[in-house]
Amino acid sequence: MASLDCSRSAAELGSIEGLGPAKGAQLQAVLELARRSLHEEFRRDTVLSSPGKVRDYLRISLSRLGHEVFMGLFLDSQNRLLAADELFRGTLTQTSVYPREVVKRALALNAGAVIFAHNHPSGIAEPSRSDELLTGSLKQALALVDVRVLDPLIVAGTSTVSFAERGLL
């Protein structure tokens, strides 16, 4: 029996042996409702008290996408969530990120810290050299306005890689 993948479309689910198109659509609807419920629960629980909560939220938000998205979780000085924004959207393999726009958003929210995340639709969560260079540029730009970069994360399917845990921050 095929395993269930939250990123599958209703048609793909309907093609699993034993599931027809109607059941596939129902299952896709249930998965989407669960995703939305978890998303809302994260937004209500505004204190980011553990790396696990952040990872879960990012997997829910980014793992199912077929294109790259760069997002920022903007936090106040007590690490309470001010905003979770999709800042830039790209193609299958890349996204253009502009540090100036990130700094503008952080200042507009009066953020004290930020966690960045982007997805790799390829399914490989390993950071590239360009990911490392971008992190350095963002960290430097935000330091000029006293905004801390707590961690950039990469989401690929069910895998999440933390730059901070790898010593890349």
C-alpha atoms as a PDB file:
ATOM      1  CA  MET A   1       0.000   0.000   0.000  1.00  0.00           C
ATOM      2  CA  ALA A   2       1.328   3.481  -0.866  1.00  0.00           C
ATOM      3  CA  SER A   3       2.207   5.839   1.959  1.00  0.00           C
ATOM      4  CA  LEU A   4       0.247   9.054   2.301  1.00  0.00           C
ATOM      5  CA  ASP A   5       2.092  12.215   1.395  1.00  0.00           C
ATOM      6  CA  CYS A   6       0.475  15.525   2.360  1.00  0.00           C
ATOM      7  CA  SER A   7       1.805  17.146  -0.795  1.00  0.00           C
ATOM      8  CA  ARG A   8      -0.080  14.802  -3.132  1.00  0.00           C
ATOM      9  CA  SER A   9      -2.924  16.160  -5.210  1.00  0.00           C
ATOM     10  CA  ALA A  10      -6.437  14.748  -5.080  1.00  0.00           C
ATOM     11  CA  ALA A  11      -5.843  13.058  -8.457  1.00  0.00           C
ATOM     12  CA  GLU A  12      -2.644  11.416  -7.193  1.00  0.00           C
ATOM     13  CA  LEU A  13      -4.412  10.229  -4.033  1.00  0.00           C
ATOM     14  CA  GLY A  14      -7.277   8.916  -6.148  1.00  0.00           C
ATOM     15  CA  SER A  15      -4.850   6.793  -8.145  1.00  0.00           C
ATOM     16  CA  ILE A  16      -3.781   4.816  -5.046  1.00  0.00           C
ATOM     17  CA  GLU A  17      -5.158   1.292  -5.168  1.00  0.00           C
ATOM     18  CA  GLY A  18      -8.373   1.147  -3.158  1.00  0.00           C
ATOM     19  CA  LEU A  19      -9.047   4.886  -3.376  1.00  0.00           C
ATOM     20  CA  GLY A  20     -11.163   6.381  -6.110  1.00  0.00           C
ATOM     21  CA  PRO A  21     -11.249  10.013  -7.255  1.00  0.00           C
ATOM     22  CA  ALA A  22     -13.979  10.939  -4.743  1.00  0.00           C
ATOM     23  CA  LYS A  23     -12.127   9.421  -1.770  1.00  0.00           C
ATOM     24  CA  GLY A  24      -8.909  11.016  -2.998  1.00  0.00           C
ATOM     25  CA  ALA A  25     -10.590  14.427  -3.028  1.00  0.00           C
ATOM     26  CA  GLN A  26     -12.037  13.842   0.450  1.00  0.00           C
ATOM     27  CA  LEU A  27      -8.656  12.801   1.810  1.00  0.00           C
ATOM     28  CA  GLN A  28      -6.987  15.838   0.239  1.00  0.00           C
ATOM     29  CA  ALA A  29      -9.628  18.059   1.870  1.00  0.00           C
ATOM     30  CA  VAL A  30      -8.987  16.473   5.277  1.00  0.00           C
ATOM     31  CA  LEU A  31      -5.231  16.962   4.883  1.00  0.00           C
ATOM     32  CA  GLU A  32      -5.740  20.608   3.931  1.00  0.00           C
ATOM     33  CA  LEU A  33      -8.039  21.206   6.927  1.00  0.00           C
ATOM     34  CA  ALA A  34      -5.437  19.637   9.239  1.00  0.00           C
ATOM     35  CA  ARG A  35      -2.712  21.834   7.718  1.00  0.00           C
ATOM     36  CA  ARG A  36      -4.824  24.959   8.208  1.00  0.00           C
ATOM     37  CA  SER A  37      -5.690  23.977  11.778  1.00  0.00           C
ATOM     38  CA  LEU A  38      -2.026  23.490  12.690  1.00  0.00           C
ATOM     39  CA  HIS A  39      -1.146  26.755  10.966  1.00  0.00           C
ATOM     40  CA  GLU A  40      -3.755  28.621  13.024  1.00  0.00           C
ATOM     41  CA  GLU A  41      -2.665  26.921  16.243  1.00  0.00           C
ATOM     42  CA  PHE A  42       0.892  28.108  15.623  1.00  0.00           C
ATOM     43  CA  ARG A  43      -0.246  31.678  15.022  1.00  0.00           C
ATOM     44  CA  ARG A  44      -2.232  31.675  18.304  1.00  0.00           C
ATOM     45  CA  ASP A  45       0.714  30.267  20.268  1.00  0.00           C
ATOM     46  CA  THR A  46       2.792  33.341  19.598  1.00  0.00           C
ATOM     47  CA  VAL A  47       5.772  32.526  21.822  1.00  0.00           C
ATOM     48  CA  LEU A  48       8.236  30.389  19.929  1.00  0.00           C
ATOM     49  CA  SER A  49       9.258  28.316  22.912  1.00  0.00           C
ATOM     50  CA  SER A  50      11.027  25.494  21.106  1.00  0.00           C
ATOM     51  CA  PRO A  51      12.867  24.766  17.876  1.00  0.00           C
ATOM     52  CA  GLY A  52      10.453  21.854  17.357  1.00  0.00           C
ATOM     53  CA  LYS A  53       7.461  24.199  17.145  1.00  0.00           C
ATOM     54  CA  VAL A  54       9.261  26.318  14.560  1.00  0.00           C
ATOM     55  CA  ARG A  55      10.218  23.259  12.504  1.00  0.00           C
ATOM     56  CA  ASP A  56       6.653  21.905  12.581  1.00  0.00           C
ATOM     57  CA  TYR A  57       5.221  25.224  11.465  1.00  0.00           C
ATOM     58  CA  LEU A  58       7.734  25.559   8.628  1.00  0.00           C
ATOM     59  CA  ARG A  59       7.156  22.002   7.414  1.00  0.00           C
ATOM     60  CA  ILE A  60       3.410  22.672   7.345  1.00  0.00           C
ATOM     61  CA  SER A  61       3.934  25.935   5.476  1.00  0.00           C
ATOM     62  CA  LEU A  62       6.653  25.014   3.000  1.00  0.00           C
ATOM     63  CA  SER A  63       7.040  21.277   2.420  1.00  0.00           C
ATOM     64  CA  ARG A  64       4.177  20.856  -0.048  1.00  0.00           C
ATOM     65  CA  LEU A  65       5.189  23.681  -2.402  1.00  0.00           C
ATOM     66  CA  GLY A  66       6.517  22.979  -5.896  1.00  0.00           C
ATOM     67  CA  HIS A  67       8.401  26.274  -6.092  1.00  0.00           C
ATOM     68  CA  GLU A  68      10.877  27.995  -3.789  1.00  0.00           C
ATOM     69  CA  VAL A  69       9.556  30.372  -1.145  1.00  0.00           C
ATOM     70  CA  PHE A  70      11.617  32.486   1.239  1.00  0.00           C
ATOM     71  CA  MET A  71       9.824  33.410   4.433  1.00  0.00           C
ATOM     72  CA  GLY A  72      10.570  35.340   7.573  1.00  0.00           C
ATOM     73  CA  LEU A  73       9.243  34.791  11.074  1.00  0.00           C
ATOM     74  CA  PHE A  74       9.528  38.224  12.671  1.00  0.00           C
ATOM     75  CA  LEU A  75       9.748  38.239  16.459  1.00  0.00           C
ATOM     76  CA  ASP A  76       9.666  40.852  19.200  1.00  0.00           C
ATOM     77  CA  SER A  77      12.332  41.067  21.909  1.00  0.00           C
ATOM     78  CA  GLN A  78      10.611  38.277  23.881  1.00  0.00           C
ATOM     79  CA  ASN A  79      10.542  35.953  20.840  1.00  0.00           C
ATOM     80  CA  ARG A  80       6.810  36.384  20.359  1.00  0.00           C
ATOM     81  CA  LEU A  81       5.676  36.084  16.784  1.00  0.00           C
ATOM     82  CA  LEU A  82       4.836  39.408  15.158  1.00  0.00           C
ATOM     83  CA  ALA A  83       4.383  38.102  11.620  1.00  0.00           C
ATOM     84  CA  ALA A  84       5.103  35.060   9.481  1.00  0.00           C
ATOM     85  CA  ASP A  85       5.539  36.424   5.982  1.00  0.00           C
ATOM     86  CA  GLU A  86       6.238  34.902   2.606  1.00  0.00           C
ATOM     87  CA  LEU A  87       8.782  37.491   1.535  1.00  0.00           C
ATOM     88  CA  PHE A  88       9.838  36.169  -1.866  1.00  0.00           C
ATOM     89  CA  ARG A  89       8.574  33.529  -4.277  1.00  0.00           C
ATOM     90  CA  GLY A  90      10.731  31.903  -6.909  1.00  0.00           C
ATOM     91  CA  THR A  91      10.928  29.084  -9.385  1.00  0.00           C
ATOM     92  CA  LEU A  92      11.545  25.387  -8.978  1.00  0.00           C
ATOM     93  CA  THR A  93      15.246  25.915  -8.242  1.00  0.00           C
ATOM     94  CA  GLN A  94      15.821  29.466  -6.995  1.00  0.00           C
ATOM     95  CA  THR A  95      14.418  32.574  -5.367  1.00  0.00           C
ATOM     96  CA  SER A  96      15.762  36.112  -5.506  1.00  0.00           C
ATOM     97  CA  VAL A  97      16.018  37.636  -2.031  1.00  0.00           C
ATOM     98  CA  TYR A  98      16.620  41.348  -1.487  1.00  0.00           C
ATOM     99  CA  PRO A  99      18.136  42.259   1.909  1.00  0.00           C
ATOM    100  CA  ARG A 100      16.834  45.828   1.622  1.00  0.00           C
ATOM    101  CA  GLU A 101      13.230  44.574   1.537  1.00  0.00           C
ATOM    102  CA  VAL A 102      13.838  42.254   4.478  1.00  0.00           C
ATOM    103  CA  VAL A 103      15.261  45.141   6.533  1.00  0.00           C
ATOM    104  CA  LYS A 104      12.274  47.338   5.593  1.00  0.00           C
ATOM    105  CA  ARG A 105       9.826  44.675   6.790  1.00  0.00           C
ATOM    106  CA  ALA A 106      11.727  44.096  10.052  1.00  0.00           C
ATOM    107  CA  LEU A 107      11.716  47.835  10.773  1.00  0.00           C
ATOM    108  CA  ALA A 108       8.029  48.181   9.882  1.00  0.00           C
ATOM    109  CA  LEU A 109       7.201  45.476  12.433  1.00  0.00           C
ATOM    110  CA  ASN A 110       9.681  46.796  15.016  1.00  0.00           C
ATOM    111  CA  ALA A 111      11.138  43.275  15.125  1.00  0.00           C
ATOM    112  CA  GLY A 112      13.923  42.373  17.515  1.00  0.00           C
ATOM    113  CA  ALA A 113      14.770  39.076  15.835  1.00  0.00           C
ATOM    114  CA  VAL A 114      13.962  37.022  12.779  1.00  0.00           C
ATOM    115  CA  ILE A 115      14.038  33.377  11.730  1.00  0.00           C
ATOM    116  CA  PHE A 116      14.366  32.774   8.017  1.00  0.00           C
ATOM    117  CA  ALA A 117      13.265  29.709   6.112  1.00  0.00           C
ATOM    118  CA  HIS A 118      13.060  28.568   2.554  1.00  0.00           C
ATOM    119  CA  ASN A 119      12.169  25.329   0.894  1.00  0.00           C
ATOM    120  CA  HIS A 120      13.999  23.123  -1.563  1.00  0.00           C
ATOM    121  CA  PRO A 121      11.361  21.493  -3.783  1.00  0.00           C
ATOM    122  CA  SER A 122      14.067  19.044  -4.927  1.00  0.00           C
ATOM    123  CA  GLY A 123      13.665  17.245  -1.592  1.00  0.00           C
ATOM    124  CA  ILE A 124      17.317  17.786  -0.627  1.00  0.00           C
ATOM    125  CA  ALA A 125      17.649  19.922   2.497  1.00  0.00           C
ATOM    126  CA  GLU A 126      21.391  20.541   2.263  1.00  0.00           C
ATOM    127  CA  PRO A 127      22.367  24.240   2.256  1.00  0.00           C
ATOM    128  CA  SER A 128      24.116  25.476  -0.869  1.00  0.00           C
ATOM    129  CA  ARG A 129      26.997  27.931  -0.945  1.00  0.00           C
ATOM    130  CA  SER A 130      24.553  30.608  -2.153  1.00  0.00           C
ATOM    131  CA  ASP A 131      22.325  29.854   0.882  1.00  0.00           C
ATOM    132  CA  GLU A 132      25.319  30.473   3.152  1.00  0.00           C
ATOM    133  CA  LEU A 133      26.265  33.718   1.363  1.00  0.00           C
ATOM    134  CA  LEU A 134      22.676  34.985   1.532  1.00  0.00           C
ATOM    135  CA  THR A 135      22.544  34.249   5.254  1.00  0.00           C
ATOM    136  CA  GLY A 136      25.721  36.270   5.783  1.00  0.00           C
ATOM    137  CA  SER A 137      24.335  39.212   3.793  1.00  0.00           C
ATOM    138  CA  LEU A 138      21.027  39.199   5.664  1.00  0.00           C
ATOM    139  CA  LYS A 139      22.714  38.876   9.042  1.00  0.00           C
ATOM    140  CA  GLN A 140      25.034  41.782   8.261  1.00  0.00           C
ATOM    141  CA  ALA A 141      22.241  44.026   6.933  1.00  0.00           C
ATOM    142  CA  LEU A 142      19.946  43.328   9.892  1.00  0.00           C
ATOM    143  CA  ALA A 143      22.745  43.816  12.437  1.00  0.00           C
ATOM    144  CA  LEU A 144      22.991  47.443  11.283  1.00  0.00           C
ATOM    145  CA  VAL A 145      19.454  48.016  12.629  1.00  0.00           C
ATOM    146  CA  ASP A 146      19.824  45.809  15.742  1.00  0.00           C
ATOM    147  CA  VAL A 147      17.727  42.876  14.508  1.00  0.00           C
ATOM    148  CA  ARG A 148      19.141  39.459  15.415  1.00  0.00           C
ATOM    149  CA  VAL A 149      19.012  36.538  12.986  1.00  0.00           C
ATOM    150  CA  LEU A 150      18.216  33.536  15.199  1.00  0.00           C
ATOM    151  CA  ASP A 151      18.314  30.851  12.547  1.00  0.00           C
ATOM    152  CA  PRO A 152      17.821  30.222   8.860  1.00  0.00           C
ATOM    153  CA  LEU A 153      16.220  26.871   8.100  1.00  0.00           C
ATOM    154  CA  ILE A 154      15.788  24.845   4.946  1.00  0.00           C
ATOM    155  CA  VAL A 155      12.733  22.645   4.489  1.00  0.00           C
ATOM    156  CA  ALA A 156      12.721  19.788   1.987  1.00  0.00           C
ATOM    157  CA  GLY A 157       9.812  17.400   2.309  1.00  0.00           C
ATOM    158  CA  THR A 158       9.832  16.166   5.892  1.00  0.00           C
ATOM    159  CA  SER A 159      13.477  17.181   6.484  1.00  0.00           C
ATOM    160  CA  THR A 160      14.503  20.459   8.058  1.00  0.00           C
ATOM    161  CA  VAL A 161      18.074  21.727   8.356  1.00  0.00           C
ATOM    162  CA  SER A 162      19.017  24.432  10.855  1.00  0.00           C
ATOM    163  CA  PHE A 163      22.013  26.634  10.079  1.00  0.00           C
ATOM    164  CA  ALA A 164      22.457  27.373  13.790  1.00  0.00           C
ATOM    165  CA  GLU A 165      22.614  23.682  14.681  1.00  0.00           C
ATOM    166  CA  ARG A 166      25.196  23.117  11.965  1.00  0.00           C
ATOM    167  CA  GLY A 167      27.326  26.059  13.071  1.00  0.00           C
ATOM    168  CA  LEU A 168      26.706  27.970   9.824  1.00  0.00           C
ATOM    169  CA  LEU A 169      25.219  31.069  11.456  1.00  0.00           C
END
